[in-house]
Amino acid sequence: MGFTEGKDWVVLVEKKEDLEQETLTRRIITFRKVGEHYRRAEEVHHQRLYKATDVARELRQVGFQVQMMSSYVVNTVYLKLMWRSLHINQHEVVT
């Protein structure tokens, strides 16, 4: 489990990887201050996992040039923009 926080908000993330089923499930809970109260939102993301070599092979077969890298850098500006544009479908006020 991990979290990220700001002045009036926090995002909690729980991850479960199932290697047999080749899936990753992320449960994300957010709290953000609205006036004197906090709003809570929860969402679950289900992702299929693929081997990088399989994806690269498939892309090459249809004409893409592929460069494999051992890691990536998280773009914090992108994450901040994503947070600001977050559309919350389910929420409740927590006092």
C-alpha atoms as a PDB file:
ATOM      1  CA  MET A   1       0.000   0.000   0.000  1.00  0.00           C
ATOM      2  CA  GLY A   2       1.208   3.484  -0.755  1.00  0.00           C
ATOM      3  CA  PHE A   3      -0.007   7.044  -0.589  1.00  0.00           C
ATOM      4  CA  THR A   4       0.571  10.510  -1.978  1.00  0.00           C
ATOM      5  CA  GLU A   5      -0.532  13.632  -0.185  1.00  0.00           C
ATOM      6  CA  GLY A   6      -0.900  17.355  -0.692  1.00  0.00           C
ATOM      7  CA  LYS A   7      -2.156  20.234   1.425  1.00  0.00           C
ATOM      8  CA  ASP A   8      -5.867  19.338   1.257  1.00  0.00           C
ATOM      9  CA  TRP A   9      -5.871  15.880  -0.294  1.00  0.00           C
ATOM     10  CA  VAL A  10      -4.504  12.345  -0.063  1.00  0.00           C
ATOM     11  CA  VAL A  11      -4.515   9.397  -2.483  1.00  0.00           C
ATOM     12  CA  LEU A  12      -4.180   5.859  -1.098  1.00  0.00           C
ATOM     13  CA  VAL A  13      -3.313   2.961  -3.414  1.00  0.00           C
ATOM     14  CA  GLU A  14      -3.456  -0.762  -2.776  1.00  0.00           C
ATOM     15  CA  LYS A  15      -2.073  -3.109  -5.464  1.00  0.00           C
ATOM     16  CA  LYS A  16      -2.609  -6.844  -5.952  1.00  0.00           C
ATOM     17  CA  GLU A  17      -0.761  -8.696  -8.699  1.00  0.00           C
ATOM     18  CA  ASP A  18      -1.954 -12.139  -9.832  1.00  0.00           C
ATOM     19  CA  LEU A  19       0.816 -13.681 -11.930  1.00  0.00           C
ATOM     20  CA  GLU A  20      -1.224 -16.788 -12.752  1.00  0.00           C
ATOM     21  CA  GLN A  21      -4.079 -14.744 -14.210  1.00  0.00           C
ATOM     22  CA  GLU A  22      -1.667 -12.083 -15.531  1.00  0.00           C
ATOM     23  CA  THR A  23      -3.674  -9.267 -13.919  1.00  0.00           C
ATOM     24  CA  LEU A  24      -3.055  -6.291 -11.682  1.00  0.00           C
ATOM     25  CA  THR A  25      -5.811  -4.778  -9.536  1.00  0.00           C
ATOM     26  CA  ARG A  26      -5.420  -1.315  -8.045  1.00  0.00           C
ATOM     27  CA  ARG A  27      -7.801   0.014  -5.413  1.00  0.00           C
ATOM     28  CA  ILE A  28      -7.538   3.795  -5.163  1.00  0.00           C
ATOM     29  CA  ILE A  29      -9.125   5.861  -2.403  1.00  0.00           C
ATOM     30  CA  THR A  30      -8.961   9.652  -2.425  1.00  0.00           C
ATOM     31  CA  PHE A  31      -9.850  12.253   0.169  1.00  0.00           C
ATOM     32  CA  ARG A  32      -9.993  15.930  -0.701  1.00  0.00           C
ATOM     33  CA  LYS A  33     -11.045  18.859   1.399  1.00  0.00           C
ATOM     34  CA  VAL A  34     -14.203  20.666   0.305  1.00  0.00           C
ATOM     35  CA  GLY A  35     -14.991  23.507   2.675  1.00  0.00           C
ATOM     36  CA  GLU A  36     -14.817  22.151   6.213  1.00  0.00           C
ATOM     37  CA  HIS A  37     -15.355  18.529   5.181  1.00  0.00           C
ATOM     38  CA  TYR A  38     -13.529  15.890   3.188  1.00  0.00           C
ATOM     39  CA  ARG A  39     -14.887  14.103   0.136  1.00  0.00           C
ATOM     40  CA  ARG A  40     -14.040  10.453  -0.293  1.00  0.00           C
ATOM     41  CA  ALA A  41     -13.884   8.642  -3.627  1.00  0.00           C
ATOM     42  CA  GLU A  42     -12.972   5.067  -4.379  1.00  0.00           C
ATOM     43  CA  GLU A  43     -12.226   3.352  -7.656  1.00  0.00           C
ATOM     44  CA  VAL A  44     -10.860  -0.016  -8.720  1.00  0.00           C
ATOM     45  CA  HIS A  45      -8.735  -0.530 -11.829  1.00  0.00           C
ATOM     46  CA  HIS A  46      -8.296  -3.995 -13.341  1.00  0.00           C
ATOM     47  CA  GLN A  47      -5.391  -4.302 -15.752  1.00  0.00           C
ATOM     48  CA  ARG A  48      -4.156  -7.164 -17.878  1.00  0.00           C
ATOM     49  CA  LEU A  49      -0.397  -7.745 -17.669  1.00  0.00           C
ATOM     50  CA  TYR A  50       1.689  -8.446 -20.760  1.00  0.00           C
ATOM     51  CA  LYS A  51       5.322  -9.415 -21.157  1.00  0.00           C
ATOM     52  CA  ALA A  52       7.278  -6.532 -22.675  1.00  0.00           C
ATOM     53  CA  THR A  53       8.943  -8.863 -25.166  1.00  0.00           C
ATOM     54  CA  ASP A  54       5.538 -10.099 -26.398  1.00  0.00           C
ATOM     55  CA  VAL A  55       4.255  -6.539 -26.879  1.00  0.00           C
ATOM     56  CA  ALA A  56       7.459  -5.507 -28.684  1.00  0.00           C
ATOM     57  CA  ARG A  57       7.234  -8.521 -31.005  1.00  0.00           C
ATOM     58  CA  GLU A  58       3.591  -7.787 -31.882  1.00  0.00           C
ATOM     59  CA  LEU A  59       4.351  -4.112 -32.544  1.00  0.00           C
ATOM     60  CA  ARG A  60       7.318  -4.965 -34.767  1.00  0.00           C
ATOM     61  CA  GLN A  61       5.155  -7.402 -36.731  1.00  0.00           C
ATOM     62  CA  VAL A  62       2.798  -4.559 -37.704  1.00  0.00           C
ATOM     63  CA  GLY A  63       5.588  -2.133 -38.647  1.00  0.00           C
ATOM     64  CA  PHE A  64       6.474  -0.219 -35.481  1.00  0.00           C
ATOM     65  CA  GLN A  65      10.045   0.466 -34.394  1.00  0.00           C
ATOM     66  CA  VAL A  66      10.426  -0.512 -30.739  1.00  0.00           C
ATOM     67  CA  GLN A  67      13.068   0.435 -28.186  1.00  0.00           C
ATOM     68  CA  MET A  68      12.891  -1.474 -24.893  1.00  0.00           C
ATOM     69  CA  MET A  69      13.965   0.316 -21.701  1.00  0.00           C
ATOM     70  CA  SER A  70      14.644  -1.125 -18.270  1.00  0.00           C
ATOM     71  CA  SER A  71      12.734   1.601 -16.384  1.00  0.00           C
ATOM     72  CA  TYR A  72      10.710   4.770 -16.792  1.00  0.00           C
ATOM     73  CA  VAL A  73      10.508   8.159 -15.078  1.00  0.00           C
ATOM     74  CA  VAL A  74       7.224   9.285 -13.520  1.00  0.00           C
ATOM     75  CA  ASN A  75       6.137  12.656 -14.881  1.00  0.00           C
ATOM     76  CA  THR A  76       4.927  14.540 -11.780  1.00  0.00           C
ATOM     77  CA  VAL A  77       3.490  17.396 -13.872  1.00  0.00           C
ATOM     78  CA  TYR A  78       1.288  14.880 -15.684  1.00  0.00           C
ATOM     79  CA  LEU A  79       0.177  13.352 -12.376  1.00  0.00           C
ATOM     80  CA  LYS A  80      -0.772  16.791 -10.991  1.00  0.00           C
ATOM     81  CA  LEU A  81      -2.788  17.601 -14.134  1.00  0.00           C
ATOM     82  CA  MET A  82      -4.469  14.212 -13.933  1.00  0.00           C
ATOM     83  CA  TRP A  83      -5.409  14.833 -10.284  1.00  0.00           C
ATOM     84  CA  ARG A  84      -6.899  18.249 -11.119  1.00  0.00           C
ATOM     85  CA  SER A  85      -9.011  16.810 -13.921  1.00  0.00           C
ATOM     86  CA  LEU A  86     -10.102  13.775 -11.878  1.00  0.00           C
ATOM     87  CA  HIS A  87     -13.788  13.136 -12.383  1.00  0.00           C
ATOM     88  CA  ILE A  88     -15.299  11.649  -9.255  1.00  0.00           C
ATOM     89  CA  ASN A  89     -18.303   9.428  -9.933  1.00  0.00           C
ATOM     90  CA  GLN A  90     -18.886   8.198  -6.419  1.00  0.00           C
ATOM     91  CA  HIS A  91     -18.280  10.323  -3.345  1.00  0.00           C
ATOM     92  CA  GLU A  92     -19.504  10.966   0.139  1.00  0.00           C
ATOM     93  CA  VAL A  93     -18.796  13.694   2.646  1.00  0.00           C
ATOM     94  CA  VAL A  94     -16.707  12.545   5.601  1.00  0.00           C
ATOM     95  CA  THR A  95     -16.727  14.687   8.734  1.00  0.00           C
END
